[in-house]
Amino acid sequence: EEEKARRELLDIQTSNSNARSKMEGLAESERVKSFLEALGESFPQMEMNTKIALWSTLRKEDALRAVSQGQAKLYFTPKDANLSIENHDHVHEKGWVDGNDSM
């Protein structure tokens, strides 16, 4: 009988978790829809890809804010952070060049 009660409790918890996830998903889809519609009204010429990219950027900012509140460590790849390493040699007044030790 105790086993049956545990199984029923687990079923109820699973059902509640699924219902909560569904409600959170519906709320998120409503936020996306509202955001895209508002952008469409304010910027009617903006392409959908650009609107979605803006939404994605804002969501990344939200995620970073949430992670920064805790003790978690977050690692980014250069692609995730949109980083690039470049070398721009510059000639200065006295004739020396950045990136070149010889004068």
PDB file of N, CA and C in Angstrom:
ATOM      1  N   GLU A   1       0.821  -1.200   0.000  1.00  0.00           N
ATOM      2  CA  GLU A   1       0.000   0.000   0.000  1.00  0.00           C
ATOM      3  C   GLU A   1       0.868   1.267   0.000  1.00  0.00           C
ATOM      4  N   GLU A   2       1.947   1.224   0.744  1.00  0.00           N
ATOM      5  CA  GLU A   2       2.865   2.376   0.769  1.00  0.00           C
ATOM      6  C   GLU A   2       3.470   2.612  -0.616  1.00  0.00           C
ATOM      7  N   GLU A   3       3.802   1.525  -1.302  1.00  0.00           N
ATOM      8  CA  GLU A   3       4.346   1.622  -2.659  1.00  0.00           C
ATOM      9  C   GLU A   3       3.334   2.270  -3.600  1.00  0.00           C
ATOM     10  N   LYS A   4       2.084   1.907  -3.467  1.00  0.00           N
ATOM     11  CA  LYS A   4       1.025   2.484  -4.295  1.00  0.00           C
ATOM     12  C   LYS A   4       0.887   3.986  -4.026  1.00  0.00           C
ATOM     13  N   ALA A   5       0.966   4.382  -2.761  1.00  0.00           N
ATOM     14  CA  ALA A   5       0.872   5.797  -2.390  1.00  0.00           C
ATOM     15  C   ALA A   5       2.047   6.581  -2.967  1.00  0.00           C
ATOM     16  N   ARG A   6       3.243   6.002  -2.912  1.00  0.00           N
ATOM     17  CA  ARG A   6       4.424   6.668  -3.504  1.00  0.00           C
ATOM     18  C   ARG A   6       4.259   6.856  -5.002  1.00  0.00           C
ATOM     19  N   ARG A   7       3.764   5.808  -5.655  1.00  0.00           N
ATOM     20  CA  ARG A   7       3.567   5.877  -7.111  1.00  0.00           C
ATOM     21  C   ARG A   7       2.540   6.959  -7.451  1.00  0.00           C
ATOM     22  N   GLU A   8       1.464   7.044  -6.688  1.00  0.00           N
ATOM     23  CA  GLU A   8       0.451   8.073  -6.920  1.00  0.00           C
ATOM     24  C   GLU A   8       1.021   9.471  -6.679  1.00  0.00           C
ATOM     25  N   LEU A   9       1.817   9.608  -5.617  1.00  0.00           N
ATOM     26  CA  LEU A   9       2.456  10.892  -5.340  1.00  0.00           C
ATOM     27  C   LEU A   9       3.388  11.291  -6.477  1.00  0.00           C
ATOM     28  N   LEU A  10       4.173  10.340  -6.952  1.00  0.00           N
ATOM     29  CA  LEU A  10       5.083  10.614  -8.067  1.00  0.00           C
ATOM     30  C   LEU A  10       4.302  11.002  -9.319  1.00  0.00           C
ATOM     31  N   ASP A  11       3.200  10.332  -9.572  1.00  0.00           N
ATOM     32  CA  ASP A  11       2.361  10.679 -10.730  1.00  0.00           C
ATOM     33  C   ASP A  11       1.812  12.096 -10.603  1.00  0.00           C
ATOM     34  N   ILE A  12       1.377  12.457  -9.407  1.00  0.00           N
ATOM     35  CA  ILE A  12       0.847  13.810  -9.185  1.00  0.00           C
ATOM     36  C   ILE A  12       1.943  14.851  -9.351  1.00  0.00           C
ATOM     37  N   GLN A  13       3.129  14.572  -8.803  1.00  0.00           N
ATOM     38  CA  GLN A  13       4.250  15.514  -8.945  1.00  0.00           C
ATOM     39  C   GLN A  13       4.642  15.671 -10.398  1.00  0.00           C
ATOM     40  N   THR A  14       4.669  14.573 -11.130  1.00  0.00           N
ATOM     41  CA  THR A  14       5.009  14.629 -12.562  1.00  0.00           C
ATOM     42  C   THR A  14       3.972  15.434 -13.321  1.00  0.00           C
ATOM     43  N   SER A  15       2.713  15.203 -13.022  1.00  0.00           N
ATOM     44  CA  SER A  15       1.635  15.936 -13.681  1.00  0.00           C
ATOM     45  C   SER A  15       1.734  17.435 -13.395  1.00  0.00           C
ATOM     46  N   ASN A  16       1.989  17.775 -12.135  1.00  0.00           N
ATOM     47  CA  ASN A  16       2.143  19.187 -11.769  1.00  0.00           C
ATOM     48  C   ASN A  16       3.343  19.822 -12.461  1.00  0.00           C
ATOM     49  N   SER A  17       4.438  19.098 -12.512  1.00  0.00           N
ATOM     50  CA  SER A  17       5.638  19.615 -13.179  1.00  0.00           C
ATOM     51  C   SER A  17       5.379  19.852 -14.664  1.00  0.00           C
ATOM     52  N   ASN A  18       4.698  18.896 -15.293  1.00  0.00           N
ATOM     53  CA  ASN A  18       4.377  19.052 -16.719  1.00  0.00           C
ATOM     54  C   ASN A  18       3.459  20.242 -16.959  1.00  0.00           C
ATOM     55  N   ALA A  19       2.465  20.407 -16.089  1.00  0.00           N
ATOM     56  CA  ALA A  19       1.539  21.539 -16.227  1.00  0.00           C
ATOM     57  C   ALA A  19       2.283  22.859 -16.038  1.00  0.00           C
ATOM     58  N   ARG A  20       3.183  22.918 -15.067  1.00  0.00           N
ATOM     59  CA  ARG A  20       3.966  24.134 -14.822  1.00  0.00           C
ATOM     60  C   ARG A  20       4.850  24.458 -16.032  1.00  0.00           C
ATOM     61  N   SER A  21       5.498  23.437 -16.580  1.00  0.00           N
ATOM     62  CA  SER A  21       6.348  23.642 -17.759  1.00  0.00           C
ATOM     63  C   SER A  21       5.543  24.139 -18.947  1.00  0.00           C
ATOM     64  N   LYS A  22       4.358  23.581 -19.120  1.00  0.00           N
ATOM     65  CA  LYS A  22       3.497  24.008 -20.221  1.00  0.00           C
ATOM     66  C   LYS A  22       3.094  25.462 -20.059  1.00  0.00           C
ATOM     67  N   MET A  23       2.730  25.867 -18.829  1.00  0.00           N
ATOM     68  CA  MET A  23       2.348  27.260 -18.582  1.00  0.00           C
ATOM     69  C   MET A  23       3.532  28.201 -18.815  1.00  0.00           C
ATOM     70  N   GLU A  24       4.720  27.798 -18.383  1.00  0.00           N
ATOM     71  CA  GLU A  24       5.906  28.626 -18.604  1.00  0.00           C
ATOM     72  C   GLU A  24       6.197  28.762 -20.091  1.00  0.00           C
ATOM     73  N   GLY A  25       6.027  27.679 -20.840  1.00  0.00           N
ATOM     74  CA  GLY A  25       6.236  27.722 -22.283  1.00  0.00           C
ATOM     75  C   GLY A  25       5.242  28.639 -22.976  1.00  0.00           C
ATOM     76  N   LEU A  26       3.984  28.561 -22.557  1.00  0.00           N
ATOM     77  CA  LEU A  26       2.965  29.442 -23.139  1.00  0.00           C
ATOM     78  C   LEU A  26       3.255  30.907 -22.814  1.00  0.00           C
ATOM     79  N   ALA A  27       3.699  31.169 -21.594  1.00  0.00           N
ATOM     80  CA  ALA A  27       4.027  32.545 -21.208  1.00  0.00           C
ATOM     81  C   ALA A  27       5.205  33.055 -22.029  1.00  0.00           C
ATOM     82  N   GLU A  28       6.211  32.214 -22.226  1.00  0.00           N
ATOM     83  CA  GLU A  28       7.376  32.622 -23.024  1.00  0.00           C
ATOM     84  C   GLU A  28       6.976  32.879 -24.470  1.00  0.00           C
ATOM     85  N   SER A  29       6.136  32.019 -25.033  1.00  0.00           N
ATOM     86  CA  SER A  29       5.718  32.234 -26.424  1.00  0.00           C
ATOM     87  C   SER A  29       4.918  33.527 -26.560  1.00  0.00           C
ATOM     88  N   GLU A  30       4.155  33.870 -25.543  1.00  0.00           N
ATOM     89  CA  GLU A  30       3.386  35.125 -25.565  1.00  0.00           C
ATOM     90  C   GLU A  30       4.330  36.329 -25.510  1.00  0.00           C
ATOM     91  N   ARG A  31       5.408  36.218 -24.713  1.00  0.00           N
ATOM     92  CA  ARG A  31       6.402  37.308 -24.662  1.00  0.00           C
ATOM     93  C   ARG A  31       7.083  37.492 -26.023  1.00  0.00           C
ATOM     94  N   VAL A  32       7.446  36.372 -26.653  1.00  0.00           N
ATOM     95  CA  VAL A  32       8.084  36.446 -27.978  1.00  0.00           C
ATOM     96  C   VAL A  32       7.134  37.090 -28.978  1.00  0.00           C
ATOM     97  N   LYS A  33       5.900  36.629 -28.987  1.00  0.00           N
ATOM     98  CA  LYS A  33       4.898  37.152 -29.921  1.00  0.00           C
ATOM     99  C   LYS A  33       4.700  38.652 -29.721  1.00  0.00           C
ATOM    100  N   SER A  34       4.560  39.080 -28.480  1.00  0.00           N
ATOM    101  CA  SER A  34       4.366  40.512 -28.184  1.00  0.00           C
ATOM    102  C   SER A  34       5.568  41.328 -28.630  1.00  0.00           C
ATOM    103  N   PHE A  35       6.762  40.825 -28.361  1.00  0.00           N
ATOM    104  CA  PHE A  35       7.983  41.529 -28.751  1.00  0.00           C
ATOM    105  C   PHE A  35       8.057  41.694 -30.265  1.00  0.00           C
ATOM    106  N   LEU A  36       7.820  40.600 -30.983  1.00  0.00           N
ATOM    107  CA  LEU A  36       7.903  40.660 -32.448  1.00  0.00           C
ATOM    108  C   LEU A  36       6.826  41.566 -33.034  1.00  0.00           C
ATOM    109  N   GLU A  37       5.635  41.529 -32.473  1.00  0.00           N
ATOM    110  CA  GLU A  37       4.565  42.401 -32.956  1.00  0.00           C
ATOM    111  C   GLU A  37       4.889  43.868 -32.700  1.00  0.00           C
ATOM    112  N   ALA A  38       5.422  44.174 -31.526  1.00  0.00           N
ATOM    113  CA  ALA A  38       5.775  45.558 -31.208  1.00  0.00           C
ATOM    114  C   ALA A  38       6.879  46.060 -32.132  1.00  0.00           C
ATOM    115  N   LEU A  39       7.871  45.219 -32.409  1.00  0.00           N
ATOM    116  CA  LEU A  39       8.914  45.623 -33.355  1.00  0.00           C
ATOM    117  C   LEU A  39       8.328  45.858 -34.738  1.00  0.00           C
ATOM    118  N   GLY A  40       7.388  44.995 -35.132  1.00  0.00           N
ATOM    119  CA  GLY A  40       6.746  45.146 -36.439  1.00  0.00           C
ATOM    120  C   GLY A  40       5.990  46.451 -36.563  1.00  0.00           C
ATOM    121  N   GLU A  41       5.371  46.877 -35.475  1.00  0.00           N
ATOM    122  CA  GLU A  41       4.644  48.145 -35.496  1.00  0.00           C
ATOM    123  C   GLU A  41       5.599  49.338 -35.523  1.00  0.00           C
ATOM    124  N   SER A  42       6.672  49.245 -34.735  1.00  0.00           N
ATOM    125  CA  SER A  42       7.627  50.365 -34.651  1.00  0.00           C
ATOM    126  C   SER A  42       8.573  50.422 -35.840  1.00  0.00           C
ATOM    127  N   PHE A  43       8.925  49.255 -36.364  1.00  0.00           N
ATOM    128  CA  PHE A  43       9.877  49.169 -37.473  1.00  0.00           C
ATOM    129  C   PHE A  43       9.320  48.231 -38.537  1.00  0.00           C
ATOM    130  N   PRO A  44       8.348  48.704 -39.305  1.00  0.00           N
ATOM    131  CA  PRO A  44       7.676  47.814 -40.258  1.00  0.00           C
ATOM    132  C   PRO A  44       8.586  47.258 -41.358  1.00  0.00           C
ATOM    133  N   GLN A  45       9.698  47.917 -41.638  1.00  0.00           N
ATOM    134  CA  GLN A  45      10.595  47.447 -42.693  1.00  0.00           C
ATOM    135  C   GLN A  45      11.615  46.424 -42.197  1.00  0.00           C
ATOM    136  N   MET A  46      11.689  46.226 -40.888  1.00  0.00           N
ATOM    137  CA  MET A  46      12.689  45.321 -40.318  1.00  0.00           C
ATOM    138  C   MET A  46      12.355  43.876 -40.693  1.00  0.00           C
ATOM    139  N   GLU A  47      13.377  43.150 -41.122  1.00  0.00           N
ATOM    140  CA  GLU A  47      13.191  41.759 -41.518  1.00  0.00           C
ATOM    141  C   GLU A  47      13.001  40.879 -40.278  1.00  0.00           C
ATOM    142  N   MET A  48      12.290  39.792 -40.453  1.00  0.00           N
ATOM    143  CA  MET A  48      12.011  38.884 -39.345  1.00  0.00           C
ATOM    144  C   MET A  48      13.301  38.312 -38.751  1.00  0.00           C
ATOM    145  N   ASN A  49      14.297  38.018 -39.582  1.00  0.00           N
ATOM    146  CA  ASN A  49      15.577  37.501 -39.066  1.00  0.00           C
ATOM    147  C   ASN A  49      16.218  38.488 -38.105  1.00  0.00           C
ATOM    148  N   THR A  50      16.126  39.770 -38.407  1.00  0.00           N
ATOM    149  CA  THR A  50      16.690  40.801 -37.543  1.00  0.00           C
ATOM    150  C   THR A  50      15.919  40.876 -36.236  1.00  0.00           C
ATOM    151  N   LYS A  51      14.607  40.783 -36.309  1.00  0.00           N
ATOM    152  CA  LYS A  51      13.786  40.806 -35.101  1.00  0.00           C
ATOM    153  C   LYS A  51      14.130  39.629 -34.192  1.00  0.00           C
ATOM    154  N   ILE A  52      14.270  38.466 -34.785  1.00  0.00           N
ATOM    155  CA  ILE A  52      14.596  37.270 -34.002  1.00  0.00           C
ATOM    156  C   ILE A  52      15.993  37.384 -33.409  1.00  0.00           C
ATOM    157  N   ALA A  53      16.930  37.955 -34.161  1.00  0.00           N
ATOM    158  CA  ALA A  53      18.286  38.154 -33.631  1.00  0.00           C
ATOM    159  C   ALA A  53      18.273  39.099 -32.437  1.00  0.00           C
ATOM    160  N   LEU A  54      17.465  40.145 -32.507  1.00  0.00           N
ATOM    161  CA  LEU A  54      17.335  41.062 -31.367  1.00  0.00           C
ATOM    162  C   LEU A  54      16.775  40.343 -30.148  1.00  0.00           C
ATOM    163  N   TRP A  55      15.744  39.543 -30.365  1.00  0.00           N
ATOM    164  CA  TRP A  55      15.160  38.779 -29.260  1.00  0.00           C
ATOM    165  C   TRP A  55      16.215  37.854 -28.641  1.00  0.00           C
ATOM    166  N   SER A  56      16.977  37.172 -29.485  1.00  0.00           N
ATOM    167  CA  SER A  56      18.004  36.250 -28.992  1.00  0.00           C
ATOM    168  C   SER A  56      19.059  36.976 -28.170  1.00  0.00           C
ATOM    169  N   THR A  57      19.456  38.148 -28.627  1.00  0.00           N
ATOM    170  CA  THR A  57      20.446  38.938 -27.898  1.00  0.00           C
ATOM    171  C   THR A  57      19.919  39.338 -26.531  1.00  0.00           C
ATOM    172  N   LEU A  58      18.685  39.778 -26.479  1.00  0.00           N
ATOM    173  CA  LEU A  58      18.092  40.160 -25.198  1.00  0.00           C
ATOM    174  C   LEU A  58      17.959  38.966 -24.266  1.00  0.00           C
ATOM    175  N   ARG A  59      17.623  37.813 -24.801  1.00  0.00           N
ATOM    176  CA  ARG A  59      17.513  36.604 -23.974  1.00  0.00           C
ATOM    177  C   ARG A  59      18.873  36.200 -23.423  1.00  0.00           C
ATOM    178  N   LYS A  60      19.931  36.362 -24.230  1.00  0.00           N
ATOM    179  CA  LYS A  60      21.281  36.063 -23.741  1.00  0.00           C
ATOM    180  C   LYS A  60      21.632  36.993 -22.589  1.00  0.00           C
ATOM    181  N   GLU A  61      21.252  38.257 -22.716  1.00  0.00           N
ATOM    182  CA  GLU A  61      21.507  39.217 -21.642  1.00  0.00           C
ATOM    183  C   GLU A  61      20.766  38.794 -20.373  1.00  0.00           C
ATOM    184  N   ASP A  62      19.526  38.377 -20.504  1.00  0.00           N
ATOM    185  CA  ASP A  62      18.759  37.898 -19.345  1.00  0.00           C
ATOM    186  C   ASP A  62      19.438  36.699 -18.702  1.00  0.00           C
ATOM    187  N   ALA A  63      19.909  35.776 -19.526  1.00  0.00           N
ATOM    188  CA  ALA A  63      20.578  34.577 -19.002  1.00  0.00           C
ATOM    189  C   ALA A  63      21.870  34.945 -18.274  1.00  0.00           C
ATOM    190  N   LEU A  64      22.631  35.860 -18.854  1.00  0.00           N
ATOM    191  CA  LEU A  64      23.871  36.299 -18.204  1.00  0.00           C
ATOM    192  C   LEU A  64      23.583  36.972 -16.872  1.00  0.00           C
ATOM    193  N   ARG A  65      22.540  37.776 -16.830  1.00  0.00           N
ATOM    194  CA  ARG A  65      22.161  38.449 -15.590  1.00  0.00           C
ATOM    195  C   ARG A  65      21.794  37.421 -14.520  1.00  0.00           C
ATOM    196  N   ALA A  66      21.035  36.413 -14.901  1.00  0.00           N
ATOM    197  CA  ALA A  66      20.621  35.378 -13.949  1.00  0.00           C
ATOM    198  C   ALA A  66      21.822  34.583 -13.446  1.00  0.00           C
ATOM    199  N   VAL A  67      22.724  34.234 -14.346  1.00  0.00           N
ATOM    200  CA  VAL A  67      23.906  33.458 -13.955  1.00  0.00           C
ATOM    201  C   VAL A  67      24.825  34.290 -13.074  1.00  0.00           C
ATOM    202  N   SER A  68      24.930  35.565 -13.346  1.00  0.00           N
ATOM    203  CA  SER A  68      25.850  36.416 -12.588  1.00  0.00           C
ATOM    204  C   SER A  68      25.404  36.618 -11.145  1.00  0.00           C
ATOM    205  N   GLN A  69      24.147  36.327 -10.833  1.00  0.00           N
ATOM    206  CA  GLN A  69      23.641  36.482  -9.472  1.00  0.00           C
ATOM    207  C   GLN A  69      24.080  35.345  -8.554  1.00  0.00           C
ATOM    208  N   GLY A  70      24.545  34.250  -9.104  1.00  0.00           N
ATOM    209  CA  GLY A  70      24.910  33.090  -8.302  1.00  0.00           C
ATOM    210  C   GLY A  70      26.405  32.824  -8.321  1.00  0.00           C
ATOM    211  N   GLN A  71      26.756  31.624  -7.917  1.00  0.00           N
ATOM    212  CA  GLN A  71      28.159  31.217  -7.838  1.00  0.00           C
ATOM    213  C   GLN A  71      28.608  30.436  -9.073  1.00  0.00           C
ATOM    214  N   ALA A  72      27.762  30.356 -10.068  1.00  0.00           N
ATOM    215  CA  ALA A  72      28.077  29.568 -11.257  1.00  0.00           C
ATOM    216  C   ALA A  72      29.219  30.191 -12.050  1.00  0.00           C
ATOM    217  N   LYS A  73      29.919  29.350 -12.773  1.00  0.00           N
ATOM    218  CA  LYS A  73      30.960  29.797 -13.689  1.00  0.00           C
ATOM    219  C   LYS A  73      30.462  29.553 -15.103  1.00  0.00           C
ATOM    220  N   LEU A  74      30.665  30.529 -15.949  1.00  0.00           N
ATOM    221  CA  LEU A  74      30.173  30.453 -17.310  1.00  0.00           C
ATOM    222  C   LEU A  74      31.355  30.578 -18.260  1.00  0.00           C
ATOM    223  N   TYR A  75      31.426  29.686 -19.227  1.00  0.00           N
ATOM    224  CA  TYR A  75      32.501  29.701 -20.200  1.00  0.00           C
ATOM    225  C   TYR A  75      31.919  29.962 -21.581  1.00  0.00           C
ATOM    226  N   PHE A  76      32.551  30.865 -22.317  1.00  0.00           N
ATOM    227  CA  PHE A  76      32.110  31.195 -23.663  1.00  0.00           C
ATOM    228  C   PHE A  76      33.163  30.781 -24.667  1.00  0.00           C
ATOM    229  N   THR A  77      32.704  30.327 -25.807  1.00  0.00           N
ATOM    230  CA  THR A  77      33.603  30.151 -26.933  1.00  0.00           C
ATOM    231  C   THR A  77      33.719  31.498 -27.625  1.00  0.00           C
ATOM    232  N   PRO A  78      34.767  31.719 -28.416  1.00  0.00           N
ATOM    233  CA  PRO A  78      34.864  32.992 -29.144  1.00  0.00           C
ATOM    234  C   PRO A  78      33.615  33.273 -29.985  1.00  0.00           C
ATOM    235  N   LYS A  79      33.018  32.230 -30.546  1.00  0.00           N
ATOM    236  CA  LYS A  79      31.807  32.423 -31.346  1.00  0.00           C
ATOM    237  C   LYS A  79      30.661  32.927 -30.473  1.00  0.00           C
ATOM    238  N   ASP A  80      30.510  32.337 -29.261  1.00  0.00           N
ATOM    239  CA  ASP A  80      29.440  32.759 -28.354  1.00  0.00           C
ATOM    240  C   ASP A  80      29.594  34.221 -27.959  1.00  0.00           C
ATOM    241  N   ALA A  81      30.833  34.650 -27.753  1.00  0.00           N
ATOM    242  CA  ALA A  81      31.085  36.014 -27.293  1.00  0.00           C
ATOM    243  C   ALA A  81      31.297  36.976 -28.457  1.00  0.00           C
ATOM    244  N   ASN A  82      31.287  36.465 -29.679  1.00  0.00           N
ATOM    245  CA  ASN A  82      31.511  37.279 -30.861  1.00  0.00           C
ATOM    246  C   ASN A  82      32.871  37.968 -30.783  1.00  0.00           C
ATOM    247  N   LEU A  83      33.891  37.191 -30.416  1.00  0.00           N
ATOM    248  CA  LEU A  83      35.245  37.719 -30.296  1.00  0.00           C
ATOM    249  C   LEU A  83      36.066  37.388 -31.524  1.00  0.00           C
ATOM    250  N   SER A  84      37.008  38.261 -31.806  1.00  0.00           N
ATOM    251  CA  SER A  84      37.983  37.967 -32.841  1.00  0.00           C
ATOM    252  C   SER A  84      39.307  38.572 -32.404  1.00  0.00           C
ATOM    253  N   ILE A  85      40.376  37.948 -32.830  1.00  0.00           N
ATOM    254  CA  ILE A  85      41.709  38.454 -32.517  1.00  0.00           C
ATOM    255  C   ILE A  85      42.293  38.962 -33.822  1.00  0.00           C
ATOM    256  N   GLU A  86      42.648  40.228 -33.814  1.00  0.00           N
ATOM    257  CA  GLU A  86      43.168  40.843 -35.019  1.00  0.00           C
ATOM    258  C   GLU A  86      44.462  41.569 -34.703  1.00  0.00           C
ATOM    259  N   ASN A  87      45.297  41.694 -35.687  1.00  0.00           N
ATOM    260  CA  ASN A  87      46.541  42.436 -35.543  1.00  0.00           C
ATOM    261  C   ASN A  87      46.534  43.546 -36.591  1.00  0.00           C
ATOM    262  N   HIS A  88      46.540  44.767 -36.104  1.00  0.00           N
ATOM    263  CA  HIS A  88      46.570  45.912 -37.000  1.00  0.00           C
ATOM    264  C   HIS A  88      47.889  46.634 -36.784  1.00  0.00           C
ATOM    265  N   ASP A  89      48.778  46.496 -37.739  1.00  0.00           N
ATOM    266  CA  ASP A  89      50.050  47.205 -37.632  1.00  0.00           C
ATOM    267  C   ASP A  89      49.814  48.677 -37.924  1.00  0.00           C
ATOM    268  N   HIS A  90      50.384  49.541 -37.068  1.00  0.00           N
ATOM    269  CA  HIS A  90      50.217  50.975 -37.219  1.00  0.00           C
ATOM    270  C   HIS A  90      51.584  51.637 -37.246  1.00  0.00           C
ATOM    271  N   VAL A  91      51.764  52.552 -38.155  1.00  0.00           N
ATOM    272  CA  VAL A  91      53.006  53.321 -38.222  1.00  0.00           C
ATOM    273  C   VAL A  91      52.802  54.579 -37.398  1.00  0.00           C
ATOM    274  N   HIS A  92      53.764  54.874 -36.508  1.00  0.00           N
ATOM    275  CA  HIS A  92      53.676  56.045 -35.651  1.00  0.00           C
ATOM    276  C   HIS A  92      54.620  57.135 -36.142  1.00  0.00           C
ATOM    277  N   GLU A  93      54.532  58.302 -35.522  1.00  0.00           N
ATOM    278  CA  GLU A  93      55.289  59.478 -35.955  1.00  0.00           C
ATOM    279  C   GLU A  93      56.779  59.223 -36.114  1.00  0.00           C
ATOM    280  N   LYS A  94      57.374  58.509 -35.185  1.00  0.00           N
ATOM    281  CA  LYS A  94      58.820  58.323 -35.209  1.00  0.00           C
ATOM    282  C   LYS A  94      59.247  57.176 -36.109  1.00  0.00           C
ATOM    283  N   GLY A  95      58.319  56.587 -36.843  1.00  0.00           N
ATOM    284  CA  GLY A  95      58.677  55.584 -37.823  1.00  0.00           C
ATOM    285  C   GLY A  95      58.592  54.149 -37.350  1.00  0.00           C
ATOM    286  N   TRP A  96      58.325  53.928 -36.076  1.00  0.00           N
ATOM    287  CA  TRP A  96      58.242  52.549 -35.633  1.00  0.00           C
ATOM    288  C   TRP A  96      56.846  51.993 -35.906  1.00  0.00           C
ATOM    289  N   VAL A  97      56.758  50.697 -35.998  1.00  0.00           N
ATOM    290  CA  VAL A  97      55.521  50.023 -36.379  1.00  0.00           C
ATOM    291  C   VAL A  97      55.076  49.116 -35.238  1.00  0.00           C
ATOM    292  N   ASP A  98      53.792  49.209 -34.842  1.00  0.00           N
ATOM    293  CA  ASP A  98      53.250  48.280 -33.843  1.00  0.00           C
ATOM    294  C   ASP A  98      53.391  46.862 -34.361  1.00  0.00           C
ATOM    295  N   GLY A  99      53.720  45.933 -33.468  1.00  0.00           N
ATOM    296  CA  GLY A  99      53.814  44.545 -33.847  1.00  0.00           C
ATOM    297  C   GLY A  99      55.152  44.189 -34.457  1.00  0.00           C
ATOM    298  N   ASN A 100      56.058  45.134 -34.554  1.00  0.00           N
ATOM    299  CA  ASN A 100      57.370  44.896 -35.136  1.00  0.00           C
ATOM    300  C   ASN A 100      58.403  45.450 -34.180  1.00  0.00           C
ATOM    301  N   ASP A 101      59.251  44.579 -33.592  1.00  0.00           N
ATOM    302  CA  ASP A 101      60.246  45.007 -32.617  1.00  0.00           C
ATOM    303  C   ASP A 101      61.411  45.759 -33.243  1.00  0.00           C
ATOM    304  N   SER A 102      61.666  45.548 -34.504  1.00  0.00           N
ATOM    305  CA  SER A 102      62.830  46.218 -35.120  1.00  0.00           C
ATOM    306  C   SER A 102      62.444  47.634 -35.551  1.00  0.00           C
ATOM    307  N   MET A 103      63.384  48.562 -35.351  1.00  0.00           N
ATOM    308  CA  MET A 103      63.135  49.948 -35.746  1.00  0.00           C
ATOM    309  C   MET A 103      64.057  50.364 -36.829  1.00  0.00           C
TER     310      MET A 103
END
